[in-house]
Amino acid sequence: MKFKLFDDYITLQALLKTTGILHSGGAIKGFLEENTILFNEEDEKRRGKKIRIGDIITLPDHNISITIIAPSTEEIQQYQEEQAEKERVAAIVKKLNQENKKNKKQVKTPKKVTKNTERKPVRFPGM
């Protein structure tokens, strides 16, 4: 399997989650205890191990080998455009959430005033 790395590095935990080998990042600890993972032919047990282009991750128990490769310039450009769009949408959502929060503060509902002057006695547990 080939994995295209768009950043400087990816951690072992993130790689296994992104490739679908693990269902969540929290499952890595048990997975590392129960399985052998080879990083460039050497046993690796650190979930935060930084993996870079050219590295090879092998899971012999699952017959999986992941080679980290560099994406083409077109793929990099497309990735950057997608990231820019995600950031733009996130900024819009953040602005809308702030406006909604501001509007909710301005439109406060008045508290109900009760005219019942009679106070109920305090109740203690067990009495």
N, C-alpha and C. Protein backbone atom coordinates (compact mmCIF):
# COMPACT_ATOMS: atom_id res chain seq x y z
N MET A 1 0.86 -1.16 0.00
CA MET A 1 0.00 0.00 0.00
C MET A 1 0.91 1.23 0.00
N LYS A 2 0.52 2.23 -0.77
CA LYS A 2 1.26 3.47 -0.82
C LYS A 2 0.44 4.57 -0.15
N PHE A 3 1.11 5.40 0.64
CA PHE A 3 0.45 6.50 1.35
C PHE A 3 1.14 7.79 0.95
N LYS A 4 0.36 8.73 0.40
CA LYS A 4 0.92 10.01 -0.01
C LYS A 4 0.91 10.97 1.17
N LEU A 5 2.09 11.47 1.50
CA LEU A 5 2.26 12.35 2.65
C LEU A 5 2.36 13.80 2.18
N PHE A 6 1.39 14.62 2.59
CA PHE A 6 1.34 16.02 2.17
C PHE A 6 2.03 16.96 3.15
N ASP A 7 2.34 16.50 4.35
CA ASP A 7 2.99 17.31 5.36
C ASP A 7 4.43 16.83 5.53
N ASP A 8 5.14 17.43 6.50
CA ASP A 8 6.53 17.03 6.75
C ASP A 8 6.61 15.61 7.30
N TYR A 9 5.65 15.26 8.17
CA TYR A 9 5.64 13.93 8.78
C TYR A 9 4.22 13.60 9.21
N ILE A 10 4.03 12.34 9.57
CA ILE A 10 2.79 11.87 10.18
C ILE A 10 3.19 10.90 11.28
N THR A 11 2.45 10.91 12.39
CA THR A 11 2.77 9.99 13.48
C THR A 11 2.25 8.60 13.14
N LEU A 12 2.83 7.60 13.77
CA LEU A 12 2.41 6.22 13.55
C LEU A 12 0.93 6.05 13.87
N GLN A 13 0.50 6.66 14.97
CA GLN A 13 -0.90 6.58 15.38
C GLN A 13 -1.82 7.17 14.31
N ALA A 14 -1.48 8.35 13.81
CA ALA A 14 -2.31 9.00 12.79
C ALA A 14 -2.30 8.21 11.49
N LEU A 15 -1.17 7.62 11.13
CA LEU A 15 -1.07 6.83 9.91
C LEU A 15 -1.99 5.62 9.97
N LEU A 16 -1.96 4.89 11.07
CA LEU A 16 -2.79 3.70 11.20
C LEU A 16 -4.27 4.05 11.22
N LYS A 17 -4.62 5.19 11.79
CA LYS A 17 -6.02 5.63 11.80
C LYS A 17 -6.45 6.10 10.41
N THR A 18 -5.61 6.88 9.74
CA THR A 18 -5.94 7.41 8.41
C THR A 18 -6.08 6.31 7.38
N THR A 19 -5.24 5.30 7.45
CA THR A 19 -5.30 4.21 6.48
C THR A 19 -6.44 3.22 6.77
N GLY A 20 -7.09 3.36 7.94
CA GLY A 20 -8.22 2.49 8.26
C GLY A 20 -7.83 1.20 8.95
N ILE A 21 -6.58 1.07 9.32
CA ILE A 21 -6.14 -0.13 10.03
C ILE A 21 -6.72 -0.14 11.45
N LEU A 22 -6.77 1.06 12.06
CA LEU A 22 -7.39 1.22 13.38
C LEU A 22 -8.64 2.06 13.25
N HIS A 23 -9.65 1.77 14.05
CA HIS A 23 -10.91 2.52 13.99
C HIS A 23 -10.83 3.84 14.74
N SER A 24 -9.91 3.95 15.72
CA SER A 24 -9.76 5.20 16.45
C SER A 24 -8.32 5.34 16.92
N GLY A 25 -7.96 6.57 17.26
CA GLY A 25 -6.61 6.80 17.74
C GLY A 25 -6.35 6.18 19.10
N GLY A 26 -7.40 6.01 19.88
CA GLY A 26 -7.25 5.43 21.21
C GLY A 26 -6.93 3.95 21.20
N ALA A 27 -7.16 3.29 20.09
CA ALA A 27 -6.93 1.85 20.00
C ALA A 27 -5.47 1.50 19.77
N ILE A 28 -4.63 2.50 19.56
CA ILE A 28 -3.23 2.25 19.20
C ILE A 28 -2.46 1.57 20.32
N LYS A 29 -2.73 1.94 21.56
CA LYS A 29 -1.96 1.40 22.68
C LYS A 29 -2.09 -0.13 22.75
N GLY A 30 -3.31 -0.61 22.72
CA GLY A 30 -3.52 -2.06 22.75
C GLY A 30 -3.01 -2.73 21.49
N PHE A 31 -3.16 -2.05 20.35
CA PHE A 31 -2.70 -2.61 19.08
C PHE A 31 -1.18 -2.81 19.10
N LEU A 32 -0.45 -1.84 19.64
CA LEU A 32 1.01 -1.95 19.71
C LEU A 32 1.46 -3.07 20.65
N GLU A 33 0.68 -3.31 21.71
CA GLU A 33 1.03 -4.38 22.65
C GLU A 33 0.81 -5.76 22.04
N GLU A 34 -0.23 -5.88 21.21
CA GLU A 34 -0.61 -7.18 20.67
C GLU A 34 0.03 -7.50 19.32
N ASN A 35 0.50 -6.49 18.58
CA ASN A 35 1.00 -6.71 17.23
C ASN A 35 2.42 -6.20 17.06
N THR A 36 3.09 -6.74 16.08
CA THR A 36 4.44 -6.30 15.72
C THR A 36 4.33 -5.29 14.60
N ILE A 37 4.97 -4.14 14.78
CA ILE A 37 5.02 -3.12 13.74
C ILE A 37 6.49 -2.84 13.46
N LEU A 38 6.86 -2.93 12.20
CA LEU A 38 8.24 -2.67 11.81
C LEU A 38 8.33 -1.34 11.10
N PHE A 39 9.24 -0.49 11.56
CA PHE A 39 9.53 0.80 10.94
C PHE A 39 10.90 0.66 10.28
N ASN A 40 10.91 0.64 8.97
CA ASN A 40 12.15 0.43 8.20
C ASN A 40 12.89 -0.82 8.70
N GLU A 41 12.15 -1.90 8.84
CA GLU A 41 12.66 -3.22 9.24
C GLU A 41 13.07 -3.33 10.71
N GLU A 42 12.78 -2.32 11.54
CA GLU A 42 13.09 -2.38 12.96
C GLU A 42 11.80 -2.29 13.76
N ASP A 43 11.74 -3.06 14.86
CA ASP A 43 10.55 -3.09 15.71
C ASP A 43 10.28 -1.70 16.29
N GLU A 44 9.02 -1.26 16.22
CA GLU A 44 8.64 0.07 16.72
C GLU A 44 7.45 -0.05 17.64
N LYS A 45 7.54 0.55 18.83
CA LYS A 45 6.46 0.50 19.81
C LYS A 45 5.98 1.90 20.22
N ARG A 46 6.52 2.96 19.61
CA ARG A 46 6.13 4.32 19.97
C ARG A 46 5.01 4.79 19.04
N ARG A 47 3.86 5.15 19.62
CA ARG A 47 2.73 5.58 18.80
C ARG A 47 2.96 6.95 18.20
N GLY A 48 3.84 7.76 18.78
CA GLY A 48 4.11 9.09 18.29
C GLY A 48 5.31 9.16 17.35
N LYS A 49 5.80 8.02 16.91
CA LYS A 49 6.95 7.97 16.01
C LYS A 49 6.64 8.76 14.75
N LYS A 50 7.53 9.70 14.39
CA LYS A 50 7.34 10.52 13.20
C LYS A 50 7.77 9.74 11.97
N ILE A 51 6.87 9.66 11.02
CA ILE A 51 7.12 8.91 9.79
C ILE A 51 7.20 9.91 8.65
N ARG A 52 8.23 9.79 7.84
CA ARG A 52 8.47 10.73 6.76
C ARG A 52 8.49 10.01 5.41
N ILE A 53 8.58 10.81 4.34
CA ILE A 53 8.61 10.26 2.98
C ILE A 53 9.80 9.32 2.85
N GLY A 54 9.56 8.16 2.27
CA GLY A 54 10.60 7.15 2.07
C GLY A 54 10.58 6.06 3.12
N ASP A 55 9.90 6.27 4.22
CA ASP A 55 9.84 5.25 5.28
C ASP A 55 8.87 4.14 4.87
N ILE A 56 9.10 2.96 5.44
CA ILE A 56 8.24 1.81 5.17
C ILE A 56 7.77 1.25 6.51
N ILE A 57 6.46 1.12 6.64
CA ILE A 57 5.85 0.54 7.84
C ILE A 57 5.30 -0.83 7.45
N THR A 58 5.67 -1.84 8.22
CA THR A 58 5.24 -3.20 7.92
C THR A 58 4.52 -3.78 9.12
N LEU A 59 3.37 -4.40 8.85
CA LEU A 59 2.63 -5.13 9.88
C LEU A 59 2.62 -6.60 9.45
N PRO A 60 3.64 -7.38 9.88
CA PRO A 60 3.76 -8.76 9.41
C PRO A 60 2.57 -9.64 9.79
N ASP A 61 1.94 -9.39 10.93
CA ASP A 61 0.81 -10.21 11.36
C ASP A 61 -0.39 -10.05 10.44
N HIS A 62 -0.50 -8.89 9.79
CA HIS A 62 -1.64 -8.58 8.91
C HIS A 62 -1.26 -8.58 7.43
N ASN A 63 -0.02 -8.92 7.11
CA ASN A 63 0.49 -8.90 5.74
C ASN A 63 0.26 -7.55 5.06
N ILE A 64 0.58 -6.47 5.79
CA ILE A 64 0.40 -5.12 5.27
C ILE A 64 1.75 -4.41 5.28
N SER A 65 2.05 -3.75 4.17
CA SER A 65 3.24 -2.93 4.07
C SER A 65 2.82 -1.57 3.52
N ILE A 66 3.19 -0.50 4.23
CA ILE A 66 2.82 0.86 3.83
C ILE A 66 4.09 1.62 3.48
N THR A 67 4.16 2.08 2.24
CA THR A 67 5.29 2.87 1.79
C THR A 67 4.85 4.32 1.73
N ILE A 68 5.61 5.20 2.35
CA ILE A 68 5.28 6.63 2.38
C ILE A 68 5.93 7.27 1.15
N ILE A 69 5.09 7.88 0.30
CA ILE A 69 5.59 8.50 -0.92
C ILE A 69 5.19 9.97 -0.98
N ALA A 70 5.88 10.70 -1.84
CA ALA A 70 5.58 12.12 -2.03
C ALA A 70 4.50 12.26 -3.11
N PRO A 71 3.55 13.16 -2.92
CA PRO A 71 2.52 13.39 -3.94
C PRO A 71 3.08 14.21 -5.10
N SER A 72 2.37 14.16 -6.22
CA SER A 72 2.78 14.96 -7.38
C SER A 72 2.43 16.43 -7.14
N THR A 73 2.94 17.31 -7.97
CA THR A 73 2.68 18.74 -7.80
C THR A 73 1.20 19.05 -7.99
N GLU A 74 0.52 18.34 -8.90
CA GLU A 74 -0.93 18.55 -9.08
C GLU A 74 -1.69 18.14 -7.83
N GLU A 75 -1.29 17.04 -7.23
CA GLU A 75 -1.95 16.57 -6.01
C GLU A 75 -1.70 17.53 -4.85
N ILE A 76 -0.52 18.08 -4.78
CA ILE A 76 -0.20 19.05 -3.73
C ILE A 76 -1.06 20.29 -3.90
N GLN A 77 -1.19 20.76 -5.14
CA GLN A 77 -2.00 21.95 -5.41
C GLN A 77 -3.46 21.69 -5.05
N GLN A 78 -3.99 20.53 -5.43
CA GLN A 78 -5.37 20.19 -5.11
C GLN A 78 -5.55 20.09 -3.59
N TYR A 79 -4.61 19.50 -2.89
CA TYR A 79 -4.67 19.38 -1.43
C TYR A 79 -4.69 20.76 -0.78
N GLN A 80 -3.83 21.67 -1.26
CA GLN A 80 -3.78 23.02 -0.71
C GLN A 80 -5.09 23.76 -0.95
N GLU A 81 -5.69 23.58 -2.12
CA GLU A 81 -6.98 24.20 -2.41
C GLU A 81 -8.07 23.67 -1.48
N GLU A 82 -8.07 22.36 -1.25
CA GLU A 82 -9.05 21.75 -0.35
C GLU A 82 -8.87 22.27 1.07
N GLN A 83 -7.62 22.39 1.52
CA GLN A 83 -7.35 22.90 2.87
C GLN A 83 -7.80 24.35 3.00
N ALA A 84 -7.55 25.16 1.96
CA ALA A 84 -7.96 26.56 1.98
C ALA A 84 -9.48 26.67 2.05
N GLU A 85 -10.19 25.80 1.33
CA GLU A 85 -11.65 25.81 1.35
C GLU A 85 -12.17 25.40 2.73
N LYS A 86 -11.54 24.39 3.34
CA LYS A 86 -11.94 23.97 4.69
C LYS A 86 -11.75 25.12 5.69
N GLU A 87 -10.63 25.83 5.59
CA GLU A 87 -10.38 26.94 6.49
C GLU A 87 -11.39 28.06 6.27
N ARG A 88 -11.75 28.33 5.00
CA ARG A 88 -12.73 29.37 4.69
C ARG A 88 -14.09 29.02 5.30
N VAL A 89 -14.52 27.78 5.13
CA VAL A 89 -15.80 27.34 5.67
C VAL A 89 -15.77 27.38 7.20
N ALA A 90 -14.66 26.97 7.80
CA ALA A 90 -14.54 26.99 9.26
C ALA A 90 -14.63 28.42 9.78
N ALA A 91 -14.04 29.37 9.07
CA ALA A 91 -14.10 30.77 9.49
C ALA A 91 -15.53 31.30 9.41
N ILE A 92 -16.26 30.92 8.36
CA ILE A 92 -17.66 31.33 8.21
C ILE A 92 -18.51 30.77 9.35
N VAL A 93 -18.32 29.49 9.65
CA VAL A 93 -19.08 28.84 10.72
C VAL A 93 -18.76 29.49 12.07
N LYS A 94 -17.49 29.80 12.31
CA LYS A 94 -17.11 30.43 13.56
C LYS A 94 -17.77 31.80 13.69
N LYS A 95 -17.78 32.56 12.61
CA LYS A 95 -18.39 33.89 12.62
C LYS A 95 -19.89 33.80 12.89
N LEU A 96 -20.56 32.84 12.23
CA LEU A 96 -22.00 32.65 12.44
C LEU A 96 -22.30 32.23 13.88
N ASN A 97 -21.48 31.36 14.43
CA ASN A 97 -21.68 30.93 15.82
C ASN A 97 -21.51 32.09 16.79
N GLN A 98 -20.53 32.95 16.54
CA GLN A 98 -20.33 34.12 17.40
C GLN A 98 -21.52 35.07 17.30
N GLU A 99 -22.04 35.27 16.08
CA GLU A 99 -23.20 36.15 15.90
C GLU A 99 -24.43 35.57 16.60
N ASN A 100 -24.62 34.26 16.47
CA ASN A 100 -25.76 33.61 17.15
C ASN A 100 -25.65 33.74 18.66
N LYS A 101 -24.45 33.58 19.17
CA LYS A 101 -24.23 33.69 20.61
C LYS A 101 -24.51 35.13 21.07
N LYS A 102 -24.07 36.08 20.28
CA LYS A 102 -24.28 37.49 20.60
C LYS A 102 -25.77 37.83 20.58
N ASN A 103 -26.50 37.31 19.58
CA ASN A 103 -27.93 37.56 19.47
C ASN A 103 -28.70 36.93 20.62
N LYS A 104 -28.28 35.77 21.08
CA LYS A 104 -28.96 35.12 22.20
C LYS A 104 -28.79 35.92 23.49
N LYS A 105 -27.64 36.55 23.65
CA LYS A 105 -27.42 37.36 24.85
C LYS A 105 -28.31 38.59 24.85
N GLN A 106 -28.54 39.15 23.66
CA GLN A 106 -29.34 40.36 23.57
C GLN A 106 -30.82 40.09 23.80
N VAL A 107 -31.30 38.93 23.40
CA VAL A 107 -32.72 38.60 23.52
C VAL A 107 -32.90 37.69 24.73
N LYS A 108 -32.76 38.26 25.90
CA LYS A 108 -32.95 37.47 27.12
C LYS A 108 -34.43 37.50 27.49
N THR A 109 -34.92 36.38 27.92
CA THR A 109 -36.31 36.31 28.36
C THR A 109 -36.38 36.75 29.82
N PRO A 110 -37.37 37.58 30.15
CA PRO A 110 -37.47 38.04 31.54
C PRO A 110 -37.83 36.88 32.46
N LYS A 111 -37.28 36.94 33.65
CA LYS A 111 -37.58 35.90 34.63
C LYS A 111 -38.99 36.08 35.16
N LYS A 112 -39.62 34.97 35.45
CA LYS A 112 -40.98 35.02 36.00
C LYS A 112 -40.92 35.47 37.45
N VAL A 113 -41.79 36.40 37.77
CA VAL A 113 -41.87 36.90 39.14
C VAL A 113 -43.04 36.20 39.81
N THR A 114 -42.74 35.51 40.89
CA THR A 114 -43.80 34.82 41.61
C THR A 114 -44.28 35.70 42.75
N LYS A 115 -45.57 35.72 42.93
CA LYS A 115 -46.15 36.57 43.99
C LYS A 115 -46.46 35.76 45.24
N ASN A 116 -46.04 34.52 45.26
CA ASN A 116 -46.28 33.68 46.41
C ASN A 116 -45.30 34.07 47.51
N THR A 117 -45.79 34.70 48.55
CA THR A 117 -44.93 35.14 49.63
C THR A 117 -44.74 34.07 50.70
N GLU A 118 -45.54 33.04 50.62
CA GLU A 118 -45.45 31.97 51.61
C GLU A 118 -44.26 31.07 51.24
N ARG A 119 -43.38 30.86 52.21
CA ARG A 119 -42.20 30.02 51.98
C ARG A 119 -42.47 28.60 52.45
N LYS A 120 -41.98 27.68 51.70
CA LYS A 120 -42.11 26.28 52.08
C LYS A 120 -41.02 25.95 53.09
N PRO A 121 -41.32 25.06 54.04
CA PRO A 121 -40.31 24.70 55.02
C PRO A 121 -39.17 23.91 54.37
N VAL A 122 -38.00 24.03 54.94
CA VAL A 122 -36.83 23.31 54.43
C VAL A 122 -36.98 21.85 54.81
N ARG A 123 -36.72 20.98 53.84
CA ARG A 123 -36.84 19.55 54.10
C ARG A 123 -35.45 18.94 54.19
N PHE A 124 -35.25 18.15 55.22
CA PHE A 124 -33.97 17.46 55.41
C PHE A 124 -34.16 16.00 55.10
N PRO A 125 -33.17 15.38 54.50
CA PRO A 125 -33.28 13.95 54.18
C PRO A 125 -33.44 13.12 55.43
N GLY A 126 -34.30 12.17 55.38
CA GLY A 126 -34.49 11.25 56.49
C GLY A 126 -35.48 11.74 57.52
N MET A 127 -36.07 12.85 57.30
CA MET A 127 -37.03 13.36 58.27
C MET A 127 -38.42 13.35 57.67
